[in-house]
Amino acid sequence: MKRFATNPMTTLESDWWWEIIKQDFKKRSLELGKKIEQLEEEKTQLGLDINV
């Protein structure tokens, strides 16, 4: 496997962007999880037999 040298700044910048992406993913996943729970609760209150 070939390896290539990278500029240390580029690596640090890539790491920084990767952290931002991971944090955003975690935030959005949490928001979606809460929305699903909210929809499940509404479904239960309405007495619907629909899978979300």
PDB file of N, CA and C in Angstrom:
ATOM      1  N   MET A   1       0.837  -1.173   0.000  1.00  0.00           N
ATOM      2  CA  MET A   1       0.000   0.000   0.000  1.00  0.00           C
ATOM      3  C   MET A   1       0.885   1.240   0.000  1.00  0.00           C
ATOM      4  N   LYS A   2       0.589   2.145  -0.904  1.00  0.00           N
ATOM      5  CA  LYS A   2       1.378   3.369  -0.978  1.00  0.00           C
ATOM      6  C   LYS A   2       0.841   4.382   0.022  1.00  0.00           C
ATOM      7  N   ARG A   3       1.752   5.128   0.577  1.00  0.00           N
ATOM      8  CA  ARG A   3       1.377   6.211   1.483  1.00  0.00           C
ATOM      9  C   ARG A   3       1.878   7.505   0.891  1.00  0.00           C
ATOM     10  N   PHE A   4       1.196   8.559   1.162  1.00  0.00           N
ATOM     11  CA  PHE A   4       1.663   9.839   0.673  1.00  0.00           C
ATOM     12  C   PHE A   4       1.810  10.794   1.840  1.00  0.00           C
ATOM     13  N   ALA A   5       2.753  11.671   1.718  1.00  0.00           N
ATOM     14  CA  ALA A   5       3.011  12.648   2.769  1.00  0.00           C
ATOM     15  C   ALA A   5       2.002  13.779   2.655  1.00  0.00           C
ATOM     16  N   THR A   6       1.547  14.225   3.806  1.00  0.00           N
ATOM     17  CA  THR A   6       0.631  15.358   3.817  1.00  0.00           C
ATOM     18  C   THR A   6       1.211  16.480   4.644  1.00  0.00           C
ATOM     19  N   ASN A   7       0.785  17.626   4.341  1.00  0.00           N
ATOM     20  CA  ASN A   7       1.169  18.795   5.119  1.00  0.00           C
ATOM     21  C   ASN A   7       0.525  18.657   6.499  1.00  0.00           C
ATOM     22  N   PRO A   8       1.275  18.842   7.592  1.00  0.00           N
ATOM     23  CA  PRO A   8       0.695  18.716   8.932  1.00  0.00           C
ATOM     24  C   PRO A   8      -0.530  19.607   9.142  1.00  0.00           C
ATOM     25  N   MET A   9      -0.540  20.803   8.548  1.00  0.00           N
ATOM     26  CA  MET A   9      -1.691  21.683   8.682  1.00  0.00           C
ATOM     27  C   MET A   9      -2.920  21.039   8.047  1.00  0.00           C
ATOM     28  N   THR A  10      -2.709  20.415   6.903  1.00  0.00           N
ATOM     29  CA  THR A  10      -3.817  19.768   6.211  1.00  0.00           C
ATOM     30  C   THR A  10      -4.398  18.654   7.077  1.00  0.00           C
ATOM     31  N   THR A  11      -3.537  17.879   7.702  1.00  0.00           N
ATOM     32  CA  THR A  11      -3.995  16.791   8.557  1.00  0.00           C
ATOM     33  C   THR A  11      -4.778  17.341   9.742  1.00  0.00           C
ATOM     34  N   LEU A  12      -4.266  18.375  10.377  1.00  0.00           N
ATOM     35  CA  LEU A  12      -4.980  18.968  11.502  1.00  0.00           C
ATOM     36  C   LEU A  12      -6.312  19.559  11.066  1.00  0.00           C
ATOM     37  N   GLU A  13      -6.311  20.197   9.912  1.00  0.00           N
ATOM     38  CA  GLU A  13      -7.552  20.769   9.400  1.00  0.00           C
ATOM     39  C   GLU A  13      -8.553  19.664   9.069  1.00  0.00           C
ATOM     40  N   SER A  14      -8.070  18.573   8.505  1.00  0.00           N
ATOM     41  CA  SER A  14      -8.949  17.445   8.185  1.00  0.00           C
ATOM     42  C   SER A  14      -9.537  16.860   9.456  1.00  0.00           C
ATOM     43  N   ASP A  15      -8.698  16.710  10.474  1.00  0.00           N
ATOM     44  CA  ASP A  15      -9.175  16.196  11.760  1.00  0.00           C
ATOM     45  C   ASP A  15     -10.237  17.114  12.343  1.00  0.00           C
ATOM     46  N   TRP A  16     -10.008  18.413  12.227  1.00  0.00           N
ATOM     47  CA  TRP A  16     -10.959  19.385  12.764  1.00  0.00           C
ATOM     48  C   TRP A  16     -12.300  19.257  12.038  1.00  0.00           C
ATOM     49  N   TRP A  17     -12.258  19.179  10.701  1.00  0.00           N
ATOM     50  CA  TRP A  17     -13.497  19.038   9.932  1.00  0.00           C
ATOM     51  C   TRP A  17     -14.189  17.726  10.261  1.00  0.00           C
ATOM     52  N   TRP A  18     -13.427  16.679  10.437  1.00  0.00           N
ATOM     53  CA  TRP A  18     -14.011  15.382  10.761  1.00  0.00           C
ATOM     54  C   TRP A  18     -14.740  15.454  12.093  1.00  0.00           C
ATOM     55  N   GLU A  19     -14.171  16.127  13.068  1.00  0.00           N
ATOM     56  CA  GLU A  19     -14.835  16.297  14.372  1.00  0.00           C
ATOM     57  C   GLU A  19     -16.134  17.076  14.225  1.00  0.00           C
ATOM     58  N   ILE A  20     -16.113  18.126  13.410  1.00  0.00           N
ATOM     59  CA  ILE A  20     -17.323  18.914  13.179  1.00  0.00           C
ATOM     60  C   ILE A  20     -18.411  18.030  12.552  1.00  0.00           C
ATOM     61  N   ILE A  21     -18.031  17.224  11.580  1.00  0.00           N
ATOM     62  CA  ILE A  21     -18.989  16.335  10.917  1.00  0.00           C
ATOM     63  C   ILE A  21     -19.559  15.329  11.909  1.00  0.00           C
ATOM     64  N   LYS A  22     -18.705  14.735  12.738  1.00  0.00           N
ATOM     65  CA  LYS A  22     -19.180  13.763  13.725  1.00  0.00           C
ATOM     66  C   LYS A  22     -20.124  14.412  14.724  1.00  0.00           C
ATOM     67  N   GLN A  23     -19.793  15.611  15.196  1.00  0.00           N
ATOM     68  CA  GLN A  23     -20.660  16.305  16.152  1.00  0.00           C
ATOM     69  C   GLN A  23     -22.011  16.619  15.523  1.00  0.00           C
ATOM     70  N   ASP A  24     -21.991  17.060  14.269  1.00  0.00           N
ATOM     71  CA  ASP A  24     -23.240  17.375  13.578  1.00  0.00           C
ATOM     72  C   ASP A  24     -24.085  16.116  13.407  1.00  0.00           C
ATOM     73  N   PHE A  25     -23.438  15.013  13.076  1.00  0.00           N
ATOM     74  CA  PHE A  25     -24.150  13.746  12.906  1.00  0.00           C
ATOM     75  C   PHE A  25     -24.806  13.320  14.217  1.00  0.00           C
ATOM     76  N   LYS A  26     -24.051  13.430  15.317  1.00  0.00           N
ATOM     77  CA  LYS A  26     -24.598  13.061  16.626  1.00  0.00           C
ATOM     78  C   LYS A  26     -25.781  13.954  16.992  1.00  0.00           C
ATOM     79  N   LYS A  27     -25.656  15.244  16.728  1.00  0.00           N
ATOM     80  CA  LYS A  27     -26.729  16.192  17.035  1.00  0.00           C
ATOM     81  C   LYS A  27     -27.987  15.861  16.234  1.00  0.00           C
ATOM     82  N   ARG A  28     -27.815  15.626  14.938  1.00  0.00           N
ATOM     83  CA  ARG A  28     -28.963  15.322  14.086  1.00  0.00           C
ATOM     84  C   ARG A  28     -29.589  13.981  14.459  1.00  0.00           C
ATOM     85  N   SER A  29     -28.771  13.013  14.828  1.00  0.00           N
ATOM     86  CA  SER A  29     -29.293  11.715  15.235  1.00  0.00           C
ATOM     87  C   SER A  29     -30.133  11.853  16.502  1.00  0.00           C
ATOM     88  N   LEU A  30     -29.650  12.650  17.437  1.00  0.00           N
ATOM     89  CA  LEU A  30     -30.383  12.888  18.673  1.00  0.00           C
ATOM     90  C   LEU A  30     -31.714  13.575  18.378  1.00  0.00           C
ATOM     91  N   GLU A  31     -31.684  14.585  17.507  1.00  0.00           N
ATOM     92  CA  GLU A  31     -32.910  15.297  17.135  1.00  0.00           C
ATOM     93  C   GLU A  31     -33.914  14.356  16.475  1.00  0.00           C
ATOM     94  N   LEU A  32     -33.423  13.500  15.582  1.00  0.00           N
ATOM     95  CA  LEU A  32     -34.314  12.553  14.915  1.00  0.00           C
ATOM     96  C   LEU A  32     -34.882  11.539  15.910  1.00  0.00           C
ATOM     97  N   GLY A  33     -34.061  11.106  16.847  1.00  0.00           N
ATOM     98  CA  GLY A  33     -34.528  10.179  17.879  1.00  0.00           C
ATOM     99  C   GLY A  33     -35.646  10.798  18.707  1.00  0.00           C
ATOM    100  N   LYS A  34     -35.480  12.070  19.058  1.00  0.00           N
ATOM    101  CA  LYS A  34     -36.517  12.771  19.827  1.00  0.00           C
ATOM    102  C   LYS A  34     -37.789  12.923  19.009  1.00  0.00           C
ATOM    103  N   LYS A  35     -37.643  13.221  17.712  1.00  0.00           N
ATOM    104  CA  LYS A  35     -38.808  13.369  16.841  1.00  0.00           C
ATOM    105  C   LYS A  35     -39.557  12.044  16.723  1.00  0.00           C
ATOM    106  N   ILE A  36     -38.818  10.956  16.596  1.00  0.00           N
ATOM    107  CA  ILE A  36     -39.452   9.634  16.513  1.00  0.00           C
ATOM    108  C   ILE A  36     -40.216   9.332  17.797  1.00  0.00           C
ATOM    109  N   GLU A  37     -39.604   9.632  18.951  1.00  0.00           N
ATOM    110  CA  GLU A  37     -40.291   9.420  20.220  1.00  0.00           C
ATOM    111  C   GLU A  37     -41.561  10.258  20.300  1.00  0.00           C
ATOM    112  N   GLN A  38     -41.487  11.508  19.829  1.00  0.00           N
ATOM    113  CA  GLN A  38     -42.642  12.395  19.834  1.00  0.00           C
ATOM    114  C   GLN A  38     -43.755  11.827  18.935  1.00  0.00           C
ATOM    115  N   LEU A  39     -43.383  11.345  17.758  1.00  0.00           N
ATOM    116  CA  LEU A  39     -44.376  10.765  16.856  1.00  0.00           C
ATOM    117  C   LEU A  39     -44.988   9.493  17.440  1.00  0.00           C
ATOM    118  N   GLU A  40     -44.186   8.686  18.099  1.00  0.00           N
ATOM    119  CA  GLU A  40     -44.692   7.474  18.745  1.00  0.00           C
ATOM    120  C   GLU A  40     -45.701   7.844  19.832  1.00  0.00           C
ATOM    121  N   GLU A  41     -45.381   8.874  20.601  1.00  0.00           N
ATOM    122  CA  GLU A  41     -46.273   9.332  21.667  1.00  0.00           C
ATOM    123  C   GLU A  41     -47.594   9.842  21.072  1.00  0.00           C
ATOM    124  N   GLU A  42     -47.500  10.636  20.003  1.00  0.00           N
ATOM    125  CA  GLU A  42     -48.705  11.136  19.343  1.00  0.00           C
ATOM    126  C   GLU A  42     -49.535   9.986  18.782  1.00  0.00           C
ATOM    127  N   LYS A  43     -48.859   8.995  18.212  1.00  0.00           N
ATOM    128  CA  LYS A  43     -49.546   7.830  17.663  1.00  0.00           C
ATOM    129  C   LYS A  43     -50.308   7.109  18.769  1.00  0.00           C
ATOM    130  N   THR A  44     -49.661   6.967  19.917  1.00  0.00           N
ATOM    131  CA  THR A  44     -50.297   6.293  21.052  1.00  0.00           C
ATOM    132  C   THR A  44     -51.502   7.089  21.528  1.00  0.00           C
ATOM    133  N   GLN A  45     -51.358   8.398  21.616  1.00  0.00           N
ATOM    134  CA  GLN A  45     -52.461   9.241  22.073  1.00  0.00           C
ATOM    135  C   GLN A  45     -53.642   9.198  21.114  1.00  0.00           C
ATOM    136  N   LEU A  46     -53.369   9.089  19.825  1.00  0.00           N
ATOM    137  CA  LEU A  46     -54.422   9.040  18.834  1.00  0.00           C
ATOM    138  C   LEU A  46     -55.008   7.639  18.669  1.00  0.00           C
ATOM    139  N   GLY A  47     -54.304   6.646  19.232  1.00  0.00           N
ATOM    140  CA  GLY A  47     -54.776   5.269  19.132  1.00  0.00           C
ATOM    141  C   GLY A  47     -54.630   4.699  17.734  1.00  0.00           C
ATOM    142  N   LEU A  48     -53.653   5.166  17.008  1.00  0.00           N
ATOM    143  CA  LEU A  48     -53.433   4.682  15.648  1.00  0.00           C
ATOM    144  C   LEU A  48     -52.581   3.421  15.652  1.00  0.00           C
ATOM    145  N   ASP A  49     -52.791   2.610  14.680  1.00  0.00           N
ATOM    146  CA  ASP A  49     -51.988   1.388  14.543  1.00  0.00           C
ATOM    147  C   ASP A  49     -51.124   1.518  13.308  1.00  0.00           C
ATOM    148  N   ILE A  50     -50.224   2.524  13.327  1.00  0.00           N
ATOM    149  CA  ILE A  50     -49.347   2.787  12.204  1.00  0.00           C
ATOM    150  C   ILE A  50     -47.900   2.764  12.707  1.00  0.00           C
ATOM    151  N   ASN A  51     -47.042   2.070  11.992  1.00  0.00           N
ATOM    152  CA  ASN A  51     -45.630   2.034  12.359  1.00  0.00           C
ATOM    153  C   ASN A  51     -44.915   3.241  11.797  1.00  0.00           C
ATOM    154  N   VAL A  52     -44.082   3.857  12.631  1.00  0.00           N
ATOM    155  CA  VAL A  52     -43.301   5.023  12.194  1.00  0.00           C
ATOM    156  C   VAL A  52     -41.930   4.554  11.794  1.00  0.00           C
TER     157      VAL A  52
END
